Amino acid sequence: MTTAWTESATWRCPDDTDLTNDQADCPQQWNPAASPVPPYEPVPTATHTVNGGDADPIELDVTADVLAGADLGWVIRKTDPTAPGRIRLGSSESGDGPQLILDTVVDDCPADPDKTEPGLCGCGVPDDLTGCVLECPVYTDVLVYMNGIVASQGVSDCYPDLTMTCDGDTIRVSGVSDNDPAPFIAELGRPSLSAYSTPEGSYGQCDGTGAAFVGFAAAGIDVVYACQQYFDEGCAQLPASAP
């Protein structure tokens, strides 16, 4: 709806002062069927097909309106109000009237329209179906990235005592298993001006895309410098690697 109304609204009045008669007792009438400018948005928020004899509840998804701050309610009408056919719906006075059901969640990623919680990759970065982080930032959030490598390999249950350490040049996730004599090791090196590598390959951007660095182009130096800062911030949060 685009026009304010009260619980005394009728087909001809947004606020009828006398509901005991069949008159339009209001200073400003409306006619939802024939008004040149109807008191509702012309494009429906949701639609539902009702066939003859249907008696099941009608569900209409009005999430878009609620998120947009709609506070004037809704009107349920036929696509063509002048067409033959009648639908009987229960009002609030009937005891079986319409209900607005709100499913609420805590949104920990308010700036990300696709996520309500950080998940594996963090807000603003999609998790893929397997939970790995191939699309996640590499050097911009090295700890999330390395945890994602562990998750993508599915080794957490097999290696319950994985540790993450840093010696200033390499962040290492490692662990051993009673059922597998080979240790699990994933390493992420501090980027340099010549090149750097990740557990997924060699790259030329902080987000893990592009070719490895070669040469000393100004743009390459800027990117590597930023990546080094990101790496150092992550490394500082970890215990030192054993010598």
Protein backbone atom coordinates (compact mmCIF):
# COMPACT_ATOMS: atom_id res chain seq x y z
CA MET A 1 0.00 0.00 0.00
CA THR A 2 1.06 3.61 -0.65
CA THR A 3 -1.75 5.33 1.26
CA ALA A 4 -2.26 5.28 5.02
CA TRP A 5 -5.39 3.48 6.25
CA THR A 6 -6.92 2.27 9.48
CA GLU A 7 -8.70 -0.83 10.72
CA SER A 8 -11.91 0.93 9.65
CA ALA A 9 -10.90 0.90 5.98
CA THR A 10 -13.49 -0.19 3.44
CA TRP A 11 -13.45 -0.63 -0.32
CA ARG A 12 -14.25 3.05 -0.75
CA CYS A 13 -12.66 4.66 2.32
CA PRO A 14 -9.22 4.43 3.90
CA ASP A 15 -10.90 5.35 7.19
CA ASP A 16 -14.70 4.95 7.29
CA THR A 17 -16.20 6.60 10.36
CA ASP A 18 -19.41 4.52 10.26
CA LEU A 19 -19.17 0.84 9.39
CA THR A 20 -22.84 0.16 10.14
CA ASN A 21 -24.04 1.43 6.76
CA ASP A 22 -23.16 1.03 3.11
CA GLN A 23 -22.06 4.63 2.67
CA ALA A 24 -18.63 6.11 2.12
CA ASP A 25 -18.23 8.03 5.40
CA CYS A 26 -14.86 9.64 4.79
CA PRO A 27 -13.66 13.01 3.48
CA GLN A 28 -11.31 11.43 0.95
CA GLN A 29 -12.51 8.34 -0.88
CA TRP A 30 -10.49 5.81 -2.76
CA ASN A 31 -11.41 3.18 -5.31
CA PRO A 32 -8.73 0.50 -5.53
CA ALA A 33 -10.34 -0.97 -8.64
CA ALA A 34 -10.84 2.14 -10.75
CA SER A 35 -8.69 4.98 -9.39
CA PRO A 36 -6.36 6.56 -11.98
CA VAL A 37 -3.67 6.44 -9.29
CA PRO A 38 -4.43 3.43 -7.08
CA PRO A 39 -3.43 3.53 -3.38
CA TYR A 40 -0.95 0.70 -3.90
CA GLU A 41 2.09 -0.08 -5.99
CA PRO A 42 0.91 -1.19 -9.45
CA VAL A 43 3.54 -3.95 -9.66
CA PRO A 44 2.67 -6.69 -7.15
CA THR A 45 5.23 -7.84 -4.63
CA ALA A 46 4.07 -11.43 -5.00
CA THR A 47 1.35 -13.38 -6.82
CA HIS A 48 -0.53 -16.59 -6.20
CA THR A 49 -2.85 -18.50 -8.52
CA VAL A 50 -6.17 -19.50 -6.92
CA ASN A 51 -8.20 -22.16 -8.66
CA GLY A 52 -11.88 -22.90 -8.16
CA GLY A 53 -12.49 -24.82 -4.95
CA ASP A 54 -9.10 -24.04 -3.42
CA ALA A 55 -9.26 -23.86 0.37
CA ASP A 56 -5.56 -24.05 1.27
CA PRO A 57 -3.82 -21.09 2.93
CA ILE A 58 -2.22 -18.60 0.56
CA GLU A 59 1.41 -17.70 1.17
CA LEU A 60 2.91 -14.54 -0.32
CA ASP A 61 6.57 -13.63 0.09
CA VAL A 62 6.79 -9.95 1.03
CA THR A 63 10.42 -10.01 2.15
CA ALA A 64 11.43 -7.35 -0.37
CA ASP A 65 8.84 -4.92 1.01
CA VAL A 66 9.82 -5.56 4.63
CA LEU A 67 13.49 -5.02 3.87
CA ALA A 68 12.59 -1.80 2.05
CA GLY A 69 10.83 -0.51 5.17
CA ALA A 70 7.21 -0.89 4.00
CA ASP A 71 4.88 0.06 6.87
CA LEU A 72 1.47 0.59 5.22
CA GLY A 73 0.56 -3.05 4.74
CA TRP A 74 -0.64 -4.82 1.62
CA VAL A 75 -3.79 -5.26 -0.40
CA ILE A 76 -4.73 -8.65 -1.85
CA ARG A 77 -6.57 -8.21 -5.12
CA LYS A 78 -7.32 -9.97 -8.35
CA THR A 79 -5.11 -9.25 -11.34
CA ASP A 80 -8.18 -7.74 -12.99
CA PRO A 81 -10.67 -6.58 -10.33
CA THR A 82 -13.41 -6.20 -12.97
CA ALA A 83 -13.15 -9.80 -14.18
CA PRO A 84 -15.80 -12.31 -13.01
CA GLY A 85 -15.09 -14.53 -10.06
CA ARG A 86 -14.98 -14.02 -6.32
CA ILE A 87 -12.49 -15.03 -3.64
CA ARG A 88 -13.47 -15.15 0.01
CA LEU A 89 -10.61 -14.52 2.45
CA GLY A 90 -10.74 -14.40 6.24
CA SER A 91 -10.23 -10.99 7.85
CA SER A 92 -8.63 -10.36 11.22
CA GLU A 93 -12.12 -10.08 12.74
CA SER A 94 -12.89 -13.65 11.65
CA GLY A 95 -10.27 -15.09 13.96
CA ASP A 96 -8.52 -16.69 10.99
CA GLY A 97 -7.10 -13.61 9.33
CA PRO A 98 -3.82 -12.95 7.58
CA GLN A 99 -0.55 -13.25 9.47
CA LEU A 100 2.77 -11.55 8.79
CA ILE A 101 5.48 -14.06 9.69
CA LEU A 102 9.00 -12.69 10.12
CA ASP A 103 12.02 -15.00 10.03
CA THR A 104 14.86 -13.05 11.58
CA VAL A 105 18.58 -13.81 11.58
CA VAL A 106 21.58 -12.03 13.06
CA ASP A 107 23.45 -10.49 10.13
CA ASP A 108 27.17 -10.56 10.88
CA CYS A 109 27.92 -9.39 7.33
CA PRO A 110 25.67 -6.34 6.87
CA ALA A 111 27.70 -5.07 3.91
CA ASP A 112 27.54 -8.42 2.10
CA PRO A 113 24.12 -9.08 0.53
CA ASP A 114 24.95 -12.75 -0.06
CA LYS A 115 26.07 -13.76 3.45
CA THR A 116 24.78 -13.34 6.99
CA GLU A 117 27.84 -14.89 8.65
CA PRO A 118 31.55 -14.80 7.75
CA GLY A 119 31.80 -18.52 7.04
CA LEU A 120 35.17 -19.83 5.96
CA CYS A 121 36.22 -17.00 3.67
CA GLY A 122 34.92 -14.01 5.59
CA CYS A 123 32.36 -11.35 4.71
CA GLY A 124 32.46 -10.15 1.12
CA VAL A 125 34.10 -13.34 -0.17
CA PRO A 126 32.02 -16.35 -1.30
CA ASP A 127 32.61 -19.81 0.12
CA ASP A 128 32.42 -22.49 -2.53
CA LEU A 129 30.35 -25.65 -2.18
CA THR A 130 33.17 -27.70 -0.68
CA GLY A 131 34.21 -25.07 1.83
CA CYS A 132 37.67 -24.53 0.37
CA VAL A 133 39.10 -21.07 -0.13
CA LEU A 134 40.36 -20.99 -3.70
CA GLU A 135 38.45 -17.74 -4.19
CA CYS A 136 39.46 -16.27 -0.83
CA PRO A 137 42.14 -13.62 -0.41
CA VAL A 138 45.56 -15.17 0.08
CA TYR A 139 47.86 -12.56 1.54
CA THR A 140 45.14 -10.12 2.58
CA ASP A 141 44.03 -12.54 5.33
CA VAL A 142 46.65 -15.24 5.59
CA LEU A 143 45.24 -16.93 8.69
CA VAL A 144 41.80 -17.38 7.11
CA TYR A 145 43.51 -18.61 3.97
CA MET A 146 45.62 -21.21 5.75
CA ASN A 147 42.67 -22.45 7.80
CA GLY A 148 40.82 -22.76 4.51
CA ILE A 149 43.60 -24.88 3.02
CA VAL A 150 43.18 -27.27 5.94
CA ALA A 151 39.41 -27.37 5.43
CA SER A 152 39.75 -27.88 1.67
CA GLN A 153 41.97 -30.92 2.26
CA GLY A 154 39.52 -32.40 4.76
CA VAL A 155 42.29 -33.39 7.16
CA SER A 156 41.07 -31.87 10.43
CA ASP A 157 39.66 -35.18 11.72
CA CYS A 158 42.73 -37.17 10.64
CA TYR A 159 45.19 -34.65 12.11
CA PRO A 160 43.54 -33.46 15.33
CA ASP A 161 46.63 -31.60 16.59
CA LEU A 162 47.43 -29.33 13.67
CA THR A 163 49.50 -26.29 14.56
CA MET A 164 50.12 -23.02 12.73
CA THR A 165 53.45 -21.28 13.27
CA CYS A 166 55.59 -18.63 11.58
CA ASP A 167 59.34 -18.07 11.43
CA GLY A 168 59.12 -14.66 9.79
CA ASP A 169 59.49 -16.02 6.27
CA THR A 170 57.01 -18.90 6.16
CA ILE A 171 53.66 -19.60 7.78
CA ARG A 172 53.32 -23.33 8.28
CA VAL A 173 50.38 -25.57 9.17
CA SER A 174 51.62 -29.00 10.20
CA GLY A 175 50.58 -32.10 12.07
CA VAL A 176 50.94 -35.87 12.28
CA SER A 177 48.41 -38.67 12.45
CA ASP A 178 48.47 -42.07 14.12
CA ASN A 179 46.89 -43.52 10.98
CA ASP A 180 49.16 -41.84 8.42
CA PRO A 181 52.93 -41.83 8.75
CA ALA A 182 53.26 -38.87 6.38
CA PRO A 183 52.89 -35.50 8.14
CA PHE A 184 50.49 -32.87 6.83
CA ILE A 185 52.28 -29.68 5.87
CA ALA A 186 50.98 -26.55 4.14
CA GLU A 187 53.24 -23.55 3.81
CA LEU A 188 52.75 -19.94 2.78
CA GLY A 189 55.88 -17.92 2.03
CA ARG A 190 56.46 -14.21 2.55
CA PRO A 191 56.28 -12.58 -0.90
CA SER A 192 59.45 -11.21 -2.44
CA LEU A 193 60.23 -9.05 -5.47
CA SER A 194 61.18 -12.08 -7.55
CA ALA A 195 58.09 -14.20 -6.92
CA TYR A 196 56.08 -15.83 -4.23
CA SER A 197 54.14 -19.04 -3.90
CA THR A 198 51.15 -20.37 -2.00
CA PRO A 199 49.96 -23.93 -1.35
CA GLU A 200 47.94 -23.53 -4.55
CA GLY A 201 50.71 -22.23 -6.83
CA SER A 202 52.69 -19.12 -7.72
CA TYR A 203 50.88 -15.85 -8.17
CA GLY A 204 51.37 -12.17 -8.76
CA GLN A 205 48.54 -10.50 -6.79
CA CYS A 206 47.61 -10.49 -3.12
CA ASP A 207 44.39 -12.31 -3.93
CA GLY A 208 46.17 -15.24 -5.57
CA THR A 209 45.55 -14.34 -9.22
CA GLY A 210 47.92 -13.52 -12.05
CA ALA A 211 51.41 -14.70 -12.88
CA ALA A 212 54.42 -14.79 -10.58
CA PHE A 213 56.42 -11.58 -10.28
CA VAL A 214 59.49 -11.16 -12.45
CA GLY A 215 61.51 -7.98 -12.63
CA PHE A 216 61.02 -4.84 -10.61
CA ALA A 217 58.18 -2.88 -12.24
CA ALA A 218 56.85 -0.11 -10.01
CA ALA A 219 53.37 -1.61 -9.87
CA GLY A 220 54.82 -4.98 -8.91
CA ILE A 221 56.84 -3.40 -6.10
CA ASP A 222 53.75 -1.69 -4.70
CA VAL A 223 51.72 -4.89 -4.73
CA VAL A 224 54.45 -6.97 -3.15
CA TYR A 225 55.03 -4.35 -0.45
CA ALA A 226 51.33 -4.48 0.49
CA CYS A 227 51.38 -8.27 0.46
CA GLN A 228 54.41 -8.28 2.74
CA GLN A 229 52.58 -6.10 5.23
CA TYR A 230 49.58 -8.44 5.21
CA PHE A 231 51.86 -11.42 5.68
CA ASP A 232 53.73 -9.79 8.56
CA GLU A 233 50.46 -8.92 10.33
CA GLY A 234 49.34 -12.55 10.16
CA CYS A 235 52.75 -13.88 11.14
CA ALA A 236 52.82 -11.65 14.25
CA GLN A 237 49.72 -13.41 15.57
CA LEU A 238 51.33 -16.86 15.49
CA PRO A 239 53.85 -18.63 17.72
CA ALA A 240 57.35 -18.94 16.33
CA SER A 241 58.25 -22.05 14.38
CA ALA A 242 60.60 -24.54 16.00
CA PRO A 243 64.18 -24.14 14.80
